[in-house]
N, C-alpha and C. Protein backbone atom coordinates (compact mmCIF):
# COMPACT_ATOMS: atom_id res chain seq x y z
N MET A 1 0.91 -1.08 0.01
CA MET A 1 0.03 0.10 -0.05
C MET A 1 0.95 1.14 0.16
N THR A 2 0.46 2.30 -0.60
CA THR A 2 1.28 3.43 -0.78
C THR A 2 1.34 4.20 0.40
N LYS A 3 2.27 5.09 0.71
CA LYS A 3 2.05 5.93 1.80
C LYS A 3 0.90 6.76 1.87
N ALA A 4 0.60 7.40 0.63
CA ALA A 4 -0.65 8.47 0.49
C ALA A 4 -2.07 7.52 0.98
N LEU A 5 -2.07 6.24 0.38
CA LEU A 5 -3.13 5.75 0.77
C LEU A 5 -3.30 5.33 2.26
N GLU A 6 -2.23 4.87 2.89
CA GLU A 6 -2.13 4.47 4.29
C GLU A 6 -2.32 5.80 5.07
N SER A 7 -2.18 7.22 4.40
CA SER A 7 -2.52 8.24 5.45
C SER A 7 -3.79 8.70 5.18
N VAL A 8 -4.43 8.43 4.03
CA VAL A 8 -6.02 8.55 3.98
C VAL A 8 -6.60 7.89 4.56
N ARG A 9 -6.16 6.38 4.94
CA ARG A 9 -6.92 5.42 5.58
C ARG A 9 -6.90 5.73 7.10
N THR A 10 -5.78 5.91 7.48
CA THR A 10 -5.61 6.45 8.79
C THR A 10 -6.46 7.66 9.10
N TYR A 11 -6.36 8.66 8.59
CA TYR A 11 -7.08 10.03 8.43
C TYR A 11 -8.67 9.59 8.81
N PHE A 12 -9.29 9.00 8.07
CA PHE A 12 -10.51 8.25 8.10
C PHE A 12 -11.17 7.43 9.12
N ALA A 13 -10.04 6.67 9.55
CA ALA A 13 -10.02 5.69 10.77
C ALA A 13 -10.17 6.77 12.03
N THR A 14 -9.28 7.55 11.92
CA THR A 14 -9.22 8.76 13.20
C THR A 14 -10.56 9.46 13.15
N ARG A 15 -11.08 9.80 12.17
CA ARG A 15 -12.47 10.51 12.06
C ARG A 15 -13.58 9.86 12.45
N ARG A 16 -13.56 8.57 12.05
CA ARG A 16 -14.52 7.82 12.53
C ARG A 16 -14.60 7.48 14.11
N GLU A 17 -13.46 7.43 14.56
CA GLU A 17 -13.31 7.21 16.13
C GLU A 17 -13.94 8.66 17.11
N LEU A 18 -13.29 9.58 16.39
CA LEU A 18 -13.63 10.58 17.16
C LEU A 18 -15.27 11.15 16.85
N ARG A 19 -15.91 10.68 15.72
CA ARG A 19 -17.21 10.69 15.85
C ARG A 19 -18.10 9.95 16.45
N ARG A 20 -17.58 8.55 16.78
CA ARG A 20 -18.08 7.68 17.64
C ARG A 20 -17.81 8.17 19.03
N ARG A 21 -16.73 8.84 19.32
CA ARG A 21 -16.61 8.99 20.80
C ARG A 21 -17.33 10.35 21.15
N GLU A 22 -17.59 11.35 20.36
CA GLU A 22 -18.73 12.47 20.28
C GLU A 22 -20.07 11.97 20.51
N ALA A 23 -20.32 10.95 19.55
CA ALA A 23 -21.83 10.52 19.89
C ALA A 23 -22.21 10.08 21.22
N GLU A 24 -21.09 9.28 21.45
CA GLU A 24 -21.18 8.55 22.77
C GLU A 24 -21.23 9.43 24.08
N LEU A 25 -20.35 10.52 23.98
CA LEU A 25 -20.55 11.44 25.06
C LEU A 25 -21.89 12.55 24.94
N SER A 26 -22.15 12.53 23.76
CA SER A 26 -23.57 13.29 23.58
C SER A 26 -24.60 12.63 24.33
N ARG A 27 -24.76 11.23 24.03
CA ARG A 27 -25.67 10.47 24.57
C ARG A 27 -25.64 10.30 25.95
N GLU A 28 -24.71 10.43 26.64
CA GLU A 28 -24.20 10.53 28.16
C GLU A 28 -24.78 11.98 28.60
N LEU A 29 -24.54 12.89 27.95
CA LEU A 29 -24.84 14.30 28.44
C LEU A 29 -26.20 14.34 28.32
N ALA A 30 -26.84 13.78 27.33
CA ALA A 30 -28.35 13.81 27.24
C ALA A 30 -28.99 13.36 28.60
N ALA A 31 -28.53 12.48 29.48
CA ALA A 31 -29.07 12.17 30.84
C ALA A 31 -29.26 13.19 31.60
N TYR A 32 -28.57 14.22 31.32
CA TYR A 32 -28.89 15.66 32.14
C TYR A 32 -29.88 16.50 31.52
N ASP A 33 -31.03 15.89 31.85
CA ASP A 33 -32.37 16.49 31.00
C ASP A 33 -33.35 17.29 31.84
N THR A 34 -32.93 17.15 33.07
CA THR A 34 -33.87 18.36 33.79
C THR A 34 -32.95 19.65 34.37
N PRO A 35 -33.89 20.88 34.72
CA PRO A 35 -33.06 21.95 34.97
C PRO A 35 -32.10 21.63 36.11
N SER A 36 -32.64 20.90 37.04
CA SER A 36 -31.54 20.73 38.27
C SER A 36 -30.37 20.03 37.85
N ALA A 37 -30.69 19.04 36.99
CA ALA A 37 -29.25 18.14 36.73
C ALA A 37 -28.58 18.79 35.93
N ARG A 38 -28.85 19.55 35.09
CA ARG A 38 -28.28 20.53 34.14
C ARG A 38 -27.30 21.85 34.94
N GLN A 39 -28.06 22.06 35.82
CA GLN A 39 -27.29 22.95 36.82
C GLN A 39 -26.27 22.58 37.61
N ASP A 40 -26.48 21.25 38.04
CA ASP A 40 -25.58 20.44 38.61
C ASP A 40 -24.39 20.31 37.75
N LEU A 41 -24.46 20.03 36.39
CA LEU A 41 -23.36 19.56 35.43
C LEU A 41 -22.83 21.00 35.24
N GLU A 42 -23.47 22.23 34.99
CA GLU A 42 -22.73 23.27 34.75
C GLU A 42 -21.88 23.92 35.83
N ALA A 43 -22.46 23.66 37.25
CA ALA A 43 -21.66 23.76 38.19
C ALA A 43 -20.25 22.98 38.31
N MET A 44 -20.34 21.57 37.91
CA MET A 44 -19.01 21.01 37.98
C MET A 44 -18.46 21.34 36.83
N LEU A 45 -18.90 21.73 35.69
CA LEU A 45 -17.94 22.60 34.59
C LEU A 45 -17.19 23.80 34.81
N ALA A 46 -17.89 24.40 35.68
CA ALA A 46 -17.49 25.91 36.20
C ALA A 46 -16.27 25.64 36.76
N ARG A 47 -15.89 24.64 37.70
CA ARG A 47 -14.83 24.25 38.54
C ARG A 47 -13.59 23.93 37.46
N HIS A 48 -13.66 23.95 36.27
CA HIS A 48 -12.61 23.48 35.14
C HIS A 48 -12.34 24.58 34.18
N PRO A 49 -11.00 24.40 34.03
CA PRO A 49 -10.63 25.55 32.77
C PRO A 49 -11.33 25.32 31.55
N GLU A 50 -11.56 26.28 30.79
CA GLU A 50 -12.54 26.53 29.43
C GLU A 50 -11.89 25.24 28.69
N HIS A 51 -10.55 25.23 28.60
CA HIS A 51 -10.00 24.43 27.35
C HIS A 51 -10.16 22.69 27.63
N GLU A 52 -10.67 22.52 28.95
CA GLU A 52 -10.88 21.22 29.31
C GLU A 52 -12.52 20.87 29.00
N THR A 53 -13.22 21.99 28.89
CA THR A 53 -14.75 21.70 28.96
C THR A 53 -15.39 22.22 27.73
N ARG A 54 -14.57 22.89 26.90
CA ARG A 54 -15.04 23.31 25.56
C ARG A 54 -16.12 22.31 24.78
N GLU A 55 -15.55 21.17 24.59
CA GLU A 55 -16.23 19.88 23.75
C GLU A 55 -17.47 19.83 24.71
N ILE A 56 -17.51 19.66 25.77
CA ILE A 56 -18.79 19.16 26.57
C ILE A 56 -19.93 20.41 26.51
N GLU A 57 -19.26 21.72 26.67
CA GLU A 57 -20.21 22.98 26.68
C GLU A 57 -20.94 23.07 25.19
N ALA A 58 -20.15 22.71 23.98
CA ALA A 58 -20.69 22.77 22.81
C ALA A 58 -21.59 21.84 22.65
N ILE A 59 -21.27 20.54 23.14
CA ILE A 59 -22.38 19.61 22.93
C ILE A 59 -23.71 19.93 23.75
N LEU A 60 -23.64 20.50 25.00
CA LEU A 60 -24.66 20.81 25.70
C LEU A 60 -25.52 22.19 25.01
N ARG A 61 -24.88 22.89 24.29
CA ARG A 61 -25.55 24.07 23.58
C ARG A 61 -26.26 23.40 22.54
N ARG A 62 -25.66 22.46 21.88
CA ARG A 62 -26.51 21.70 20.80
C ARG A 62 -27.79 21.14 21.41
N HIS A 63 -27.46 20.54 22.30
CA HIS A 63 -28.86 19.79 23.06
C HIS A 63 -29.90 20.69 23.40
N THR A 64 -29.44 21.95 23.68
CA THR A 64 -30.64 23.35 24.16
C THR A 64 -31.00 23.62 22.66
N LEU A 65 -30.29 23.73 21.78
CA LEU A 65 -30.86 24.51 20.76
C LEU A 65 -31.84 23.23 19.86
N ASP A 66 -31.47 21.89 20.05
CA ASP A 66 -32.29 20.87 19.52
C ASP A 66 -33.58 21.05 20.28
N ARG A 67 -33.41 21.04 21.71
CA ARG A 67 -34.60 21.14 22.48
C ARG A 67 -35.62 22.30 22.09
N LEU A 68 -35.03 23.18 21.93
CA LEU A 68 -35.92 24.70 21.51
C LEU A 68 -36.36 24.47 19.99
N VAL A 69 -35.90 24.13 19.05
CA VAL A 69 -36.11 23.91 17.82
C VAL A 69 -37.25 22.66 17.86
N ARG A 70 -37.38 21.59 18.62
CA ARG A 70 -38.48 20.73 18.90
C ARG A 70 -39.52 21.21 19.46
N ASN A 71 -39.31 22.17 20.61
CA ASN A 71 -40.43 22.82 21.33
C ASN A 71 -41.26 23.59 20.45
N TYR A 72 -40.79 24.56 19.38
CA TYR A 72 -41.36 25.45 18.77
C TYR A 72 -41.38 25.09 17.44
N SER A 73 -41.11 24.06 17.12
CA SER A 73 -41.85 23.61 15.62
C SER A 73 -43.04 23.10 15.19
């Protein structure tokens, strides 16, 4: 196999793994679906630096947006 083809295969395998991991994290975070559970989670996240929580906060924002769209559609 050529070096270029191997690089492409590695790239796509890595992307698949990242998407799988993000989907799993998104499912886990979806369990925080009540206002009090969400506040507890946000309080935990507030104790950590932004660079450590960026991914989680982005997923939570998507969940909020999805919920708003569902409720107002």
